[in-house]
Structures are given as C-alpha cells and as structure tokens.
Amino acid sequence: MSQSVIGALRVNLGLDSARFQKGAKQAQSQLRVMQGQFKAFAATATVVAAGLGVMTTATVRAAREIDTLSKLAGSTPEQFQ
C-alpha cells in the first residue's frame, strides 16, 4: 500500500513539475513580448523628446530675433509682431 502511495506521489510531483515548467515558459514568452514593447516605447519617447528640444530651440531663437528687430524698429515685441 505504501508503494502505491509513493508511486502516486511521484506521478503528482512529475505533473506539477511539468505544469510549472510550462507556466514558466509562457511567462518568459510574455516577458519577451513586453520587453519589445518597452523598447519601442522608449525609442518613440526619445524621438518625441528630441523633437520637443528642437522646437524649443527654434522658439527661443525666434523670440530673440523678434526682440532684436523690435528694438531696432523702436517698438515693443508685441507691437512689432
């Protein structure tokens, strides 16, 4: 009787181990997909940040130029615009 219990225990442990390995493989696969998504998001965020930097620089340059030209015209930047 104890032999059958031990045999059943081995079968149960073997099945549990197989389920665990299958679950671990599925989790690993999902993590790979998420990793790719995070990389794509990071690349997009980098491009957006660079674009915002360029826009900010251009806006500052334009504001300086308007200020300089308005002084030459003898008016305020608001009036010059």
Protein backbone atom coordinates (compact mmCIF):
# COMPACT_ATOMS: atom_id res chain seq x y z
CA MET A 1 0.00 0.00 0.00
CA SER A 2 2.77 2.42 0.80
CA GLN A 3 4.34 1.64 -2.58
CA SER A 4 1.19 2.79 -4.39
CA VAL A 5 1.11 5.99 -2.34
CA ILE A 6 4.74 6.70 -3.16
CA GLY A 7 4.10 5.95 -6.84
CA ALA A 8 1.10 8.28 -6.88
CA LEU A 9 3.16 10.97 -5.17
CA ARG A 10 5.86 10.66 -7.83
CA VAL A 11 3.28 10.98 -10.60
CA ASN A 12 1.72 14.04 -8.93
CA LEU A 13 5.10 15.68 -8.43
CA GLY A 14 6.06 14.97 -12.03
CA LEU A 15 2.82 16.51 -13.31
CA ASP A 16 3.22 19.54 -11.06
CA SER A 17 6.77 20.00 -12.29
CA ALA A 18 5.63 19.82 -15.93
CA ARG A 19 2.89 22.39 -15.28
CA PHE A 20 5.38 24.67 -13.57
CA GLN A 21 7.81 24.44 -16.48
CA LYS A 22 5.03 25.13 -18.98
CA GLY A 23 3.89 28.16 -16.96
CA ALA A 24 7.46 29.43 -16.67
CA LYS A 25 7.93 29.16 -20.44
CA GLN A 26 4.69 31.07 -21.04
CA ALA A 27 5.73 33.79 -18.59
CA GLN A 28 9.13 34.05 -20.26
CA SER A 29 7.50 34.39 -23.66
CA GLN A 30 5.19 37.14 -22.41
CA LEU A 31 8.14 38.96 -20.84
CA ARG A 32 9.94 38.92 -24.20
CA VAL A 33 6.90 40.50 -25.85
CA MET A 34 6.72 43.16 -23.13
CA GLN A 35 10.43 43.84 -23.48
CA GLY A 36 9.96 44.53 -27.18
CA GLN A 37 7.03 46.82 -26.44
CA PHE A 38 9.03 48.75 -23.85
CA LYS A 39 11.91 49.16 -26.28
CA ALA A 40 9.55 50.50 -28.94
CA PHE A 41 8.02 52.91 -26.42
CA ALA A 42 11.44 54.11 -25.29
CA ALA A 43 12.50 54.73 -28.90
CA THR A 44 9.32 56.71 -29.57
CA ALA A 45 9.75 58.72 -26.37
CA THR A 46 13.33 59.55 -27.38
CA VAL A 47 12.20 60.83 -30.78
CA VAL A 48 9.45 62.92 -29.20
CA ALA A 49 11.85 64.40 -26.64
CA ALA A 50 14.34 65.28 -29.38
CA GLY A 51 11.57 66.93 -31.39
CA LEU A 52 10.47 68.98 -28.41
CA GLY A 53 14.05 70.07 -27.87
CA VAL A 54 14.35 71.25 -31.47
CA MET A 55 11.03 73.10 -31.25
CA THR A 56 12.06 74.81 -28.03
CA THR A 57 15.37 75.92 -29.50
CA ALA A 58 13.65 77.31 -32.60
CA THR A 59 11.08 79.16 -30.50
CA VAL A 60 13.77 80.76 -28.34
CA ARG A 61 15.70 81.85 -31.42
CA ALA A 62 12.58 83.36 -32.97
CA ALA A 63 11.74 85.21 -29.75
CA ARG A 64 15.26 86.65 -29.57
CA GLU A 65 15.10 87.75 -33.19
CA ILE A 66 11.72 89.42 -32.67
CA ASP A 67 13.08 91.18 -29.60
CA THR A 68 16.15 92.40 -31.50
CA LEU A 69 14.15 93.56 -34.51
CA SER A 70 11.56 95.31 -32.35
CA LYS A 71 14.32 97.26 -30.60
CA LEU A 72 15.72 98.29 -33.99
CA ALA A 73 12.24 99.41 -35.04
CA GLY A 74 11.82 101.33 -31.77
CA SER A 75 8.80 99.35 -30.58
CA THR A 76 7.92 96.55 -28.19
CA PRO A 77 7.99 92.94 -29.34
CA GLU A 78 4.19 92.83 -29.08
CA GLN A 79 3.77 95.86 -31.32
CA PHE A 80 6.40 94.60 -33.76
CA GLN A 81 4.63 91.30 -34.18
